[in-house]
PDB file of N, CA and C in Angstrom:
ATOM      1  N   MET A   1     -16.673  15.713  14.020  1.00  0.00           N
ATOM      2  CA  MET A   1     -16.375  16.035  12.740  1.00  0.00           C
ATOM      3  C   MET A   1     -16.731  17.597  12.760  1.00  0.00           C
ATOM      4  N   THR A   2     -15.815  18.475  12.382  1.00  0.00           N
ATOM      5  CA  THR A   2     -16.083  19.791  12.340  1.00  0.00           C
ATOM      6  C   THR A   2     -16.688  20.252  11.056  1.00  0.00           C
ATOM      7  N   GLN A   3     -17.175  21.503  11.054  1.00  0.00           N
ATOM      8  CA  GLN A   3     -17.860  22.068   9.855  1.00  0.00           C
ATOM      9  C   GLN A   3     -16.950  21.946   8.529  1.00  0.00           C
ATOM     10  N   GLU A   4     -15.664  22.294   8.868  1.00  0.00           N
ATOM     11  CA  GLU A   4     -14.732  22.257   7.650  1.00  0.00           C
ATOM     12  C   GLU A   4     -14.620  20.945   7.147  1.00  0.00           C
ATOM     13  N   GLU A   5     -14.499  19.782   8.065  1.00  0.00           N
ATOM     14  CA  GLU A   5     -14.450  18.474   7.558  1.00  0.00           C
ATOM     15  C   GLU A   5     -15.591  18.082   6.876  1.00  0.00           C
ATOM     16  N   ILE A   6     -16.784  18.456   7.309  1.00  0.00           N
ATOM     17  CA  ILE A   6     -18.042  18.031   6.591  1.00  0.00           C
ATOM     18  C   ILE A   6     -17.993  18.619   5.149  1.00  0.00           C
ATOM     19  N   GLU A   7     -17.745  20.018   5.099  1.00  0.00           N
ATOM     20  CA  GLU A   7     -17.624  20.617   3.800  1.00  0.00           C
ATOM     21  C   GLU A   7     -16.602  19.977   2.798  1.00  0.00           C
ATOM     22  N   LYS A   8     -15.465  19.616   3.381  1.00  0.00           N
ATOM     23  CA  LYS A   8     -14.425  19.004   2.650  1.00  0.00           C
ATOM     24  C   LYS A   8     -14.867  17.734   2.061  1.00  0.00           C
ATOM     25  N   LYS A   9     -15.626  16.848   2.851  1.00  0.00           N
ATOM     26  CA  LYS A   9     -16.120  15.548   2.423  1.00  0.00           C
ATOM     27  C   LYS A   9     -17.183  15.911   1.289  1.00  0.00           C
ATOM     28  N   ALA A  10     -18.007  16.790   1.675  1.00  0.00           N
ATOM     29  CA  ALA A  10     -19.032  17.033   0.443  1.00  0.00           C
ATOM     30  C   ALA A  10     -18.308  17.549  -0.766  1.00  0.00           C
ATOM     31  N   TYR A  11     -17.242  18.248  -0.616  1.00  0.00           N
ATOM     32  CA  TYR A  11     -16.593  18.871  -1.831  1.00  0.00           C
ATOM     33  C   TYR A  11     -15.747  17.722  -2.548  1.00  0.00           C
ATOM     34  N   GLU A  12     -15.283  16.680  -1.866  1.00  0.00           N
ATOM     35  CA  GLU A  12     -14.570  15.482  -2.528  1.00  0.00           C
ATOM     36  C   GLU A  12     -15.449  14.762  -3.244  1.00  0.00           C
ATOM     37  N   VAL A  13     -16.643  14.442  -2.648  1.00  0.00           N
ATOM     38  CA  VAL A  13     -17.736  13.652  -3.306  1.00  0.00           C
ATOM     39  C   VAL A  13     -18.320  14.301  -4.532  1.00  0.00           C
ATOM     40  N   TYR A  14     -18.551  15.664  -4.306  1.00  0.00           N
ATOM     41  CA  TYR A  14     -19.091  16.386  -5.453  1.00  0.00           C
ATOM     42  C   TYR A  14     -18.160  17.689  -5.722  1.00  0.00           C
ATOM     43  N   PRO A  15     -17.187  17.394  -6.459  1.00  0.00           N
ATOM     44  CA  PRO A  15     -16.264  18.585  -6.606  1.00  0.00           C
ATOM     45  C   PRO A  15     -17.061  19.722  -7.521  1.00  0.00           C
ATOM     46  N   GLU A  16     -16.574  21.007  -7.358  1.00  0.00           N
ATOM     47  CA  GLU A  16     -17.117  22.131  -8.249  1.00  0.00           C
ATOM     48  C   GLU A  16     -16.855  21.729  -9.619  1.00  0.00           C
ATOM     49  N   ARG A  17     -17.910  21.785 -10.394  1.00  0.00           N
ATOM     50  CA  ARG A  17     -17.755  21.591 -11.883  1.00  0.00           C
ATOM     51  C   ARG A  17     -18.370  22.888 -12.659  1.00  0.00           C
ATOM     52  N   LYS A  18     -17.849  23.148 -13.817  1.00  0.00           N
ATOM     53  CA  LYS A  18     -18.361  24.102 -14.712  1.00  0.00           C
ATOM     54  C   LYS A  18     -18.806  23.212 -15.994  1.00  0.00           C
ATOM     55  N   MET A  19     -19.925  23.230 -16.373  1.00  0.00           N
ATOM     56  CA  MET A  19     -20.300  22.578 -17.690  1.00  0.00           C
ATOM     57  C   MET A  19     -20.512  23.602 -18.858  1.00  0.00           C
ATOM     58  N   PHE A  20     -19.995  23.294 -19.976  1.00  0.00           N
ATOM     59  CA  PHE A  20     -20.195  24.172 -21.139  1.00  0.00           C
ATOM     60  C   PHE A  20     -21.270  23.557 -22.102  1.00  0.00           C
ATOM     61  N   ILE A  21     -22.111  24.212 -22.564  1.00  0.00           N
ATOM     62  CA  ILE A  21     -23.013  23.839 -23.410  1.00  0.00           C
ATOM     63  C   ILE A  21     -22.799  24.472 -24.869  1.00  0.00           C
ATOM     64  N   PRO A  22     -22.130  23.779 -25.839  1.00  0.00           N
ATOM     65  CA  PRO A  22     -21.838  24.460 -27.148  1.00  0.00           C
ATOM     66  C   PRO A  22     -23.068  24.764 -27.798  1.00  0.00           C
ATOM     67  N   GLN A  23     -23.165  26.010 -28.405  1.00  0.00           N
ATOM     68  CA  GLN A  23     -24.341  26.558 -29.030  1.00  0.00           C
ATOM     69  C   GLN A  23     -23.764  27.405 -30.268  1.00  0.00           C
ATOM     70  N   ASP A  24     -23.606  26.682 -31.395  1.00  0.00           N
ATOM     71  CA  ASP A  24     -23.173  27.399 -32.697  1.00  0.00           C
ATOM     72  C   ASP A  24     -24.164  28.403 -33.010  1.00  0.00           C
ATOM     73  N   PRO A  25     -23.788  29.566 -33.583  1.00  0.00           N
ATOM     74  CA  PRO A  25     -22.351  30.226 -33.572  1.00  0.00           C
ATOM     75  C   PRO A  25     -22.149  30.997 -32.400  1.00  0.00           C
ATOM     76  N   TYR A  26     -22.843  30.838 -31.369  1.00  0.00           N
ATOM     77  CA  TYR A  26     -22.627  31.599 -30.065  1.00  0.00           C
ATOM     78  C   TYR A  26     -21.531  30.956 -29.272  1.00  0.00           C
ATOM     79  N   PRO A  27     -20.963  31.816 -28.413  1.00  0.00           N
ATOM     80  CA  PRO A  27     -19.970  31.254 -27.471  1.00  0.00           C
ATOM     81  C   PRO A  27     -20.609  30.372 -26.386  1.00  0.00           C
ATOM     82  N   PRO A  28     -19.814  29.388 -25.841  1.00  0.00           N
ATOM     83  CA  PRO A  28     -20.411  28.535 -25.020  1.00  0.00           C
ATOM     84  C   PRO A  28     -21.015  29.191 -23.795  1.00  0.00           C
ATOM     85  N   MET A  29     -22.160  28.780 -23.416  1.00  0.00           N
ATOM     86  CA  MET A  29     -22.871  29.259 -22.147  1.00  0.00           C
ATOM     87  C   MET A  29     -22.351  28.324 -20.873  1.00  0.00           C
ATOM     88  N   GLU A  30     -21.985  29.056 -19.983  1.00  0.00           N
ATOM     89  CA  GLU A  30     -21.442  28.537 -18.807  1.00  0.00           C
ATOM     90  C   GLU A  30     -22.611  28.221 -17.751  1.00  0.00           C
ATOM     91  N   ILE A  31     -22.757  26.953 -17.284  1.00  0.00           N
ATOM     92  CA  ILE A  31     -23.786  26.632 -16.207  1.00  0.00           C
ATOM     93  C   ILE A  31     -22.983  26.255 -14.929  1.00  0.00           C
ATOM     94  N   ASP A  32     -23.193  26.729 -13.818  1.00  0.00           N
ATOM     95  CA  ASP A  32     -22.633  26.376 -12.671  1.00  0.00           C
ATOM     96  C   ASP A  32     -23.424  25.163 -12.066  1.00  0.00           C
ATOM     97  N   THR A  33     -22.612  24.072 -11.716  1.00  0.00           N
ATOM     98  CA  THR A  33     -23.341  22.905 -11.172  1.00  0.00           C
ATOM     99  C   THR A  33     -22.971  22.713  -9.734  1.00  0.00           C
ATOM    100  N   ASN A  34     -22.930  23.886  -9.017  1.00  0.00           N
ATOM    101  CA  ASN A  34     -22.557  23.652  -7.559  1.00  0.00           C
ATOM    102  C   ASN A  34     -23.701  23.103  -6.799  1.00  0.00           C
ATOM    103  N   ALA A  35     -24.779  22.910  -7.380  1.00  0.00           N
ATOM    104  CA  ALA A  35     -25.937  22.142  -6.796  1.00  0.00           C
ATOM    105  C   ALA A  35     -25.573  20.849  -6.320  1.00  0.00           C
ATOM    106  N   HIS A  36     -24.611  20.104  -7.114  1.00  0.00           N
ATOM    107  CA  HIS A  36     -24.067  18.875  -6.667  1.00  0.00           C
ATOM    108  C   HIS A  36     -23.149  18.935  -5.376  1.00  0.00           C
ATOM    109  N   ARG A  37     -22.544  20.043  -5.085  1.00  0.00           N
ATOM    110  CA  ARG A  37     -21.805  20.320  -3.936  1.00  0.00           C
ATOM    111  C   ARG A  37     -22.786  20.406  -2.782  1.00  0.00           C
ATOM    112  N   ARG A  38     -23.834  21.242  -2.864  1.00  0.00           N
ATOM    113  CA  ARG A  38     -24.898  21.314  -1.964  1.00  0.00           C
ATOM    114  C   ARG A  38     -25.438  20.023  -1.611  1.00  0.00           C
ATOM    115  N   GLU A  39     -25.763  19.117  -2.566  1.00  0.00           N
ATOM    116  CA  GLU A  39     -26.458  17.873  -2.273  1.00  0.00           C
ATOM    117  C   GLU A  39     -25.466  17.001  -1.585  1.00  0.00           C
ATOM    118  N   GLY A  40     -24.145  17.130  -1.858  1.00  0.00           N
ATOM    119  CA  GLY A  40     -23.135  16.364  -1.153  1.00  0.00           C
ATOM    120  C   GLY A  40     -22.996  16.625   0.298  1.00  0.00           C
ATOM    121  N   TYR A  41     -23.148  18.065   0.490  1.00  0.00           N
ATOM    122  CA  TYR A  41     -23.161  18.694   1.857  1.00  0.00           C
ATOM    123  C   TYR A  41     -24.210  18.075   2.684  1.00  0.00           C
ATOM    124  N   ILE A  42     -25.431  18.158   2.144  1.00  0.00           N
ATOM    125  CA  ILE A  42     -26.625  17.670   2.779  1.00  0.00           C
ATOM    126  C   ILE A  42     -26.346  15.978   3.029  1.00  0.00           C
ATOM    127  N   LYS A  43     -25.964  15.277   2.125  1.00  0.00           N
ATOM    128  CA  LYS A  43     -25.790  13.863   2.264  1.00  0.00           C
ATOM    129  C   LYS A  43     -24.718  13.656   3.459  1.00  0.00           C
ATOM    130  N   ALA A  44     -23.718  14.299   3.512  1.00  0.00           N
ATOM    131  CA  ALA A  44     -22.727  14.118   4.452  1.00  0.00           C
ATOM    132  C   ALA A  44     -23.317  14.369   5.910  1.00  0.00           C
ATOM    133  N   LEU A  45     -24.021  15.496   6.000  1.00  0.00           N
ATOM    134  CA  LEU A  45     -24.618  15.832   7.169  1.00  0.00           C
ATOM    135  C   LEU A  45     -25.602  14.784   7.776  1.00  0.00           C
ATOM    136  N   THR A  46     -26.314  14.136   6.776  1.00  0.00           N
ATOM    137  CA  THR A  46     -27.266  13.188   7.148  1.00  0.00           C
ATOM    138  C   THR A  46     -26.698  11.899   7.548  1.00  0.00           C
ATOM    139  N   GLU A  47     -25.590  11.577   6.770  1.00  0.00           N
ATOM    140  CA  GLU A  47     -24.831  10.435   7.241  1.00  0.00           C
ATOM    141  C   GLU A  47     -24.257  10.645   8.618  1.00  0.00           C
ATOM    142  N   ILE A  48     -23.691  11.810   8.957  1.00  0.00           N
ATOM    143  CA  ILE A  48     -23.203  11.978  10.232  1.00  0.00           C
ATOM    144  C   ILE A  48     -24.219  11.882  11.297  1.00  0.00           C
ATOM    145  N   GLU A  49     -25.533  12.418  11.039  1.00  0.00           N
ATOM    146  CA  GLU A  49     -26.352  12.406  12.078  1.00  0.00           C
ATOM    147  C   GLU A  49     -26.946  10.873  12.385  1.00  0.00           C
ATOM    148  N   SER A  50     -26.661  10.099  11.386  1.00  0.00           N
ATOM    149  CA  SER A  50     -27.384   8.750  11.725  1.00  0.00           C
ATOM    150  C   SER A  50     -26.133   7.683  12.333  1.00  0.00           C
ATOM    151  N   LEU A  51     -24.942   8.299  12.308  1.00  0.00           N
ATOM    152  CA  LEU A  51     -23.947   7.355  13.004  1.00  0.00           C
ATOM    153  C   LEU A  51     -24.173   7.412  14.506  1.00  0.00           C
ATOM    154  N   PRO A  52     -23.792   6.182  15.155  1.00  0.00           N
ATOM    155  CA  PRO A  52     -23.747   6.134  16.522  1.00  0.00           C
ATOM    156  C   PRO A  52     -22.817   7.005  17.224  1.00  0.00           C
ATOM    157  N   LYS A  53     -22.943   7.566  18.339  1.00  0.00           N
ATOM    158  CA  LYS A  53     -22.070   8.494  18.891  1.00  0.00           C
ATOM    159  C   LYS A  53     -21.798   7.979  20.417  1.00  0.00           C
ATOM    160  N   ILE A  54     -20.639   8.473  20.890  1.00  0.00           N
ATOM    161  CA  ILE A  54     -20.260   8.253  22.281  1.00  0.00           C
ATOM    162  C   ILE A  54     -19.834   9.512  22.869  1.00  0.00           C
ATOM    163  N   HIS A  55     -20.518   9.845  23.881  1.00  0.00           N
ATOM    164  CA  HIS A  55     -20.295  11.121  24.657  1.00  0.00           C
ATOM    165  C   HIS A  55     -19.399  10.985  25.803  1.00  0.00           C
ATOM    166  N   GLY A  56     -18.406  11.714  26.061  1.00  0.00           N
ATOM    167  CA  GLY A  56     -17.682  11.643  27.292  1.00  0.00           C
ATOM    168  C   GLY A  56     -16.585  12.819  27.336  1.00  0.00           C
ATOM    169  N   TRP A  57     -15.658  12.582  28.162  1.00  0.00           N
ATOM    170  CA  TRP A  57     -14.517  13.493  28.447  1.00  0.00           C
ATOM    171  C   TRP A  57     -13.175  12.763  28.093  1.00  0.00           C
ATOM    172  N   VAL A  58     -12.364  13.592  27.378  1.00  0.00           N
ATOM    173  CA  VAL A  58     -10.947  13.042  27.040  1.00  0.00           C
ATOM    174  C   VAL A  58      -9.956  13.821  28.075  1.00  0.00           C
ATOM    175  N   ALA A  59      -9.067  12.967  28.670  1.00  0.00           N
ATOM    176  CA  ALA A  59      -8.064  13.637  29.490  1.00  0.00           C
ATOM    177  C   ALA A  59      -6.792  12.783  29.354  1.00  0.00           C
ATOM    178  N   ARG A  60      -5.610  13.383  29.407  1.00  0.00           N
ATOM    179  CA  ARG A  60      -4.345  12.652  29.312  1.00  0.00           C
ATOM    180  C   ARG A  60      -3.677  12.613  30.723  1.00  0.00           C
ATOM    181  N   ASP A  61      -3.178  11.351  31.219  1.00  0.00           N
ATOM    182  CA  ASP A  61      -2.599  11.206  32.426  1.00  0.00           C
ATOM    183  C   ASP A  61      -1.074  11.815  32.270  1.00  0.00           C
ATOM    184  N   ASP A  62      -0.463  11.927  33.326  1.00  0.00           N
ATOM    185  CA  ASP A  62       0.900  12.573  33.451  1.00  0.00           C
ATOM    186  C   ASP A  62       1.920  11.670  32.577  1.00  0.00           C
ATOM    187  N   ASP A  63       1.700  10.322  32.556  1.00  0.00           N
ATOM    188  CA  ASP A  63       2.558   9.477  31.800  1.00  0.00           C
ATOM    189  C   ASP A  63       2.225   9.442  30.200  1.00  0.00           C
ATOM    190  N   GLY A  64       1.391  10.249  29.818  1.00  0.00           N
ATOM    191  CA  GLY A  64       0.939  10.348  28.352  1.00  0.00           C
ATOM    192  C   GLY A  64      -0.241   9.518  27.808  1.00  0.00           C
ATOM    193  N   GLU A  65      -0.818   8.699  28.778  1.00  0.00           N
ATOM    194  CA  GLU A  65      -1.781   7.772  28.413  1.00  0.00           C
ATOM    195  C   GLU A  65      -3.207   8.637  28.270  1.00  0.00           C
ATOM    196  N   LEU A  66      -3.794   8.450  27.108  1.00  0.00           N
ATOM    197  CA  LEU A  66      -5.061   9.250  26.952  1.00  0.00           C
ATOM    198  C   LEU A  66      -6.373   8.379  27.062  1.00  0.00           C
ATOM    199  N   GLY A  67      -7.222   8.901  27.778  1.00  0.00           N
ATOM    200  CA  GLY A  67      -8.390   8.124  28.150  1.00  0.00           C
ATOM    201  C   GLY A  67      -9.629   8.874  27.824  1.00  0.00           C
ATOM    202  N   LEU A  68     -10.743   8.172  27.545  1.00  0.00           N
ATOM    203  CA  LEU A  68     -12.079   8.471  27.423  1.00  0.00           C
ATOM    204  C   LEU A  68     -12.764   8.103  28.529  1.00  0.00           C
ATOM    205  N   PHE A  69     -13.437   9.102  29.242  1.00  0.00           N
ATOM    206  CA  PHE A  69     -14.229   8.822  30.598  1.00  0.00           C
ATOM    207  C   PHE A  69     -15.722   9.109  30.247  1.00  0.00           C
ATOM    208  N   PRO A  70     -16.674   8.444  30.882  1.00  0.00           N
ATOM    209  CA  PRO A  70     -17.969   8.586  30.751  1.00  0.00           C
ATOM    210  C   PRO A  70     -18.349   9.847  31.483  1.00  0.00           C
ATOM    211  N   ALA A  71     -17.615  10.423  32.395  1.00  0.00           N
ATOM    212  CA  ALA A  71     -18.151  11.532  33.194  1.00  0.00           C
ATOM    213  C   ALA A  71     -16.757  12.396  33.332  1.00  0.00           C
ATOM    214  N   GLU A  72     -16.830  13.696  33.658  1.00  0.00           N
ATOM    215  CA  GLU A  72     -15.753  14.440  33.833  1.00  0.00           C
ATOM    216  C   GLU A  72     -14.791  14.027  34.977  1.00  0.00           C
ATOM    217  N   PRO A  73     -13.668  13.544  34.641  1.00  0.00           N
ATOM    218  CA  PRO A  73     -12.757  13.128  35.548  1.00  0.00           C
ATOM    219  C   PRO A  73     -12.029  14.235  36.434  1.00  0.00           C
ATOM    220  N   ALA A  74     -11.530  13.769  37.616  1.00  0.00           N
ATOM    221  CA  ALA A  74     -10.780  14.687  38.605  1.00  0.00           C
ATOM    222  C   ALA A  74      -9.313  14.381  38.490  1.00  0.00           C
ATOM    223  N   ARG A  75      -8.472  15.316  38.601  1.00  0.00           N
ATOM    224  CA  ARG A  75      -7.013  15.117  38.545  1.00  0.00           C
ATOM    225  C   ARG A  75      -6.631  14.551  39.890  1.00  0.00           C
ATOM    226  N   ASP A  76      -5.788  13.415  39.877  1.00  0.00           N
ATOM    227  CA  ASP A  76      -5.405  12.780  41.186  1.00  0.00           C
ATOM    228  C   ASP A  76      -3.921  12.135  41.029  1.00  0.00           C
ATOM    229  N   LEU A  77      -3.022  12.547  41.540  1.00  0.00           N
ATOM    230  CA  LEU A  77      -1.624  11.968  41.683  1.00  0.00           C
ATOM    231  C   LEU A  77      -1.066  11.487  40.325  1.00  0.00           C
ATOM    232  N   GLY A  78      -1.066  12.469  39.344  1.00  0.00           N
ATOM    233  CA  GLY A  78      -0.463  12.011  38.040  1.00  0.00           C
ATOM    234  C   GLY A  78      -1.531  11.323  37.018  1.00  0.00           C
ATOM    235  N   MET A  79      -2.667  11.087  37.483  1.00  0.00           N
ATOM    236  CA  MET A  79      -3.765  10.527  36.651  1.00  0.00           C
ATOM    237  C   MET A  79      -5.042  11.086  36.827  1.00  0.00           C
ATOM    238  N   TRP A  80      -5.923  10.845  35.865  1.00  0.00           N
ATOM    239  CA  TRP A  80      -7.329  11.168  36.084  1.00  0.00           C
ATOM    240  C   TRP A  80      -8.045  10.230  36.846  1.00  0.00           C
ATOM    241  N   GLY A  81      -8.513  10.605  37.932  1.00  0.00           N
ATOM    242  CA  GLY A  81      -9.035   9.595  38.893  1.00  0.00           C
ATOM    243  C   GLY A  81     -10.493   9.315  38.813  1.00  0.00           C
ATOM    244  N   PHE A  82     -11.052   8.866  37.587  1.00  0.00           N
ATOM    245  CA  PHE A  82     -12.324   8.303  37.417  1.00  0.00           C
ATOM    246  C   PHE A  82     -12.225   7.174  36.622  1.00  0.00           C
ATOM    247  N   TYR A  83     -12.867   6.100  37.043  1.00  0.00           N
ATOM    248  CA  TYR A  83     -12.830   4.881  36.287  1.00  0.00           C
ATOM    249  C   TYR A  83     -14.239   4.365  36.068  1.00  0.00           C
ATOM    250  N   PRO A  84     -14.645   3.544  34.996  1.00  0.00           N
ATOM    251  CA  PRO A  84     -13.895   3.104  33.974  1.00  0.00           C
ATOM    252  C   PRO A  84     -13.446   4.094  33.090  1.00  0.00           C
ATOM    253  N   LYS A  85     -12.250   3.839  32.375  1.00  0.00           N
ATOM    254  CA  LYS A  85     -11.793   4.687  31.263  1.00  0.00           C
ATOM    255  C   LYS A  85     -11.485   3.795  30.032  1.00  0.00           C
ATOM    256  N   PHE A  86     -11.723   4.360  28.934  1.00  0.00           N
ATOM    257  CA  PHE A  86     -11.301   3.669  27.606  1.00  0.00           C
ATOM    258  C   PHE A  86     -10.115   4.303  27.111  1.00  0.00           C
ATOM    259  N   VAL A  87      -9.059   3.442  26.915  1.00  0.00           N
ATOM    260  CA  VAL A  87      -7.657   3.974  26.685  1.00  0.00           C
ATOM    261  C   VAL A  87      -7.773   4.300  25.089  1.00  0.00           C
ATOM    262  N   LEU A  88      -7.441   5.544  24.772  1.00  0.00           N
ATOM    263  CA  LEU A  88      -7.383   5.962  23.258  1.00  0.00           C
ATOM    264  C   LEU A  88      -5.953   5.959  22.695  1.00  0.00           C
ATOM    265  N   GLU A  89      -5.812   5.943  21.500  1.00  0.00           N
ATOM    266  CA  GLU A  89      -4.551   6.050  20.685  1.00  0.00           C
ATOM    267  C   GLU A  89      -3.810   7.348  21.149  1.00  0.00           C
ATOM    268  N   PRO A  90      -2.586   7.255  21.710  1.00  0.00           N
ATOM    269  CA  PRO A  90      -2.024   8.576  22.248  1.00  0.00           C
ATOM    270  C   PRO A  90      -1.806   9.811  21.314  1.00  0.00           C
ATOM    271  N   THR A  91      -1.893   9.349  20.057  1.00  0.00           N
ATOM    272  CA  THR A  91      -1.612  10.500  19.031  1.00  0.00           C
ATOM    273  C   THR A  91      -2.875  11.272  18.630  1.00  0.00           C
ATOM    274  N   VAL A  92      -4.042  10.804  19.010  1.00  0.00           N
ATOM    275  CA  VAL A  92      -5.157  11.478  18.737  1.00  0.00           C
ATOM    276  C   VAL A  92      -5.442  12.651  19.934  1.00  0.00           C
ATOM    277  N   PHE A  93      -6.085  13.658  19.685  1.00  0.00           N
ATOM    278  CA  PHE A  93      -6.282  14.801  20.550  1.00  0.00           C
ATOM    279  C   PHE A  93      -4.953  15.296  21.089  1.00  0.00           C
ATOM    280  N   PRO A  94      -3.901  15.684  20.019  1.00  0.00           N
ATOM    281  CA  PRO A  94      -2.615  16.178  20.627  1.00  0.00           C
ATOM    282  C   PRO A  94      -2.616  17.371  21.522  1.00  0.00           C
ATOM    283  N   GLU A  95      -3.800  18.088  21.291  1.00  0.00           N
ATOM    284  CA  GLU A  95      -3.947  19.452  22.175  1.00  0.00           C
ATOM    285  C   GLU A  95      -4.243  19.057  23.563  1.00  0.00           C
ATOM    286  N   VAL A  96      -4.506  17.938  23.926  1.00  0.00           N
ATOM    287  CA  VAL A  96      -4.788  17.517  25.391  1.00  0.00           C
ATOM    288  C   VAL A  96      -3.551  17.050  26.071  1.00  0.00           C
ATOM    289  N   THR A  97      -3.208  17.789  27.047  1.00  0.00           N
ATOM    290  CA  THR A  97      -2.041  17.359  27.765  1.00  0.00           C
ATOM    291  C   THR A  97      -2.476  17.171  29.308  1.00  0.00           C
ATOM    292  N   TRP A  98      -1.417  16.791  30.051  1.00  0.00           N
ATOM    293  CA  TRP A  98      -1.639  16.488  31.510  1.00  0.00           C
ATOM    294  C   TRP A  98      -2.026  17.979  32.160  1.00  0.00           C
ATOM    295  N   LYS A  99      -1.366  18.950  31.675  1.00  0.00           N
ATOM    296  CA  LYS A  99      -1.722  20.168  32.155  1.00  0.00           C
ATOM    297  C   LYS A  99      -3.032  20.969  31.813  1.00  0.00           C
ATOM    298  N   SER A 100      -3.491  20.348  30.716  1.00  0.00           N
ATOM    299  CA  SER A 100      -4.874  20.909  30.319  1.00  0.00           C
ATOM    300  C   SER A 100      -5.960  20.304  30.965  1.00  0.00           C
ATOM    301  N   GLU A 101      -7.133  20.984  30.913  1.00  0.00           N
ATOM    302  CA  GLU A 101      -8.264  20.433  31.497  1.00  0.00           C
ATOM    303  C   GLU A 101      -8.966  19.275  30.613  1.00  0.00           C
ATOM    304  N   PRO A 102      -9.874  18.474  31.070  1.00  0.00           N
ATOM    305  CA  PRO A 102     -10.411  17.440  30.194  1.00  0.00           C
ATOM    306  C   PRO A 102     -11.361  18.188  29.320  1.00  0.00           C
ATOM    307  N   ILE A 103     -11.489  17.566  28.096  1.00  0.00           N
ATOM    308  CA  ILE A 103     -12.432  18.302  27.095  1.00  0.00           C
ATOM    309  C   ILE A 103     -13.626  17.318  26.904  1.00  0.00           C
ATOM    310  N   LYS A 104     -14.819  17.982  26.680  1.00  0.00           N
ATOM    311  CA  LYS A 104     -16.001  17.091  26.466  1.00  0.00           C
ATOM    312  C   LYS A 104     -16.010  16.974  24.964  1.00  0.00           C
ATOM    313  N   VAL A 105     -16.328  15.604  24.578  1.00  0.00           N
ATOM    314  CA  VAL A 105     -16.232  15.250  23.300  1.00  0.00           C
ATOM    315  C   VAL A 105     -17.472  14.328  22.715  1.00  0.00           C
ATOM    316  N   GLU A 106     -17.611  14.378  21.417  1.00  0.00           N
ATOM    317  CA  GLU A 106     -18.719  13.533  20.994  1.00  0.00           C
ATOM    318  C   GLU A 106     -18.028  12.810  19.894  1.00  0.00           C
ATOM    319  N   LEU A 107     -17.779  11.505  20.031  1.00  0.00           N
ATOM    320  CA  LEU A 107     -17.121  10.644  19.057  1.00  0.00           C
ATOM    321  C   LEU A 107     -18.035   9.872  18.156  1.00  0.00           C
ATOM    322  N   LEU A 108     -17.859  10.001  16.737  1.00  0.00           N
ATOM    323  CA  LEU A 108     -18.674   9.306  15.723  1.00  0.00           C
ATOM    324  C   LEU A 108     -18.122   7.988  15.613  1.00  0.00           C
ATOM    325  N   ILE A 109     -18.969   6.821  15.689  1.00  0.00           N
ATOM    326  CA  ILE A 109     -18.438   5.578  15.430  1.00  0.00           C
ATOM    327  C   ILE A 109     -18.802   5.116  13.852  1.00  0.00           C
ATOM    328  N   ARG A 110     -17.643   4.887  13.176  1.00  0.00           N
ATOM    329  CA  ARG A 110     -17.888   4.486  11.754  1.00  0.00           C
ATOM    330  C   ARG A 110     -17.767   2.973  11.609  1.00  0.00           C
TER     331      ARG A 110
END
């Protein structure tokens, strides 16, 4: 999960709010409650740190099959020649192609 995704989750859980306290006959006093947003951010980070993780390498074969490897694989005749591999949904990691090098990943298990 990227930094932006963490912040987005925190902001969704604790959106920015402005609270007005009426005080007659004075105009409303504005209080910023962004403390909730910071609390949500810390909560999201804590949840992420406690999730189980899989470390490995992601590479795409010449036929489009995307795999997760326990160690950095080597390119060999249209496929990445290190097994065992876990086959991933082909739509994830669209930036990984046969021509690109494998990328090191940390996947969070939810």
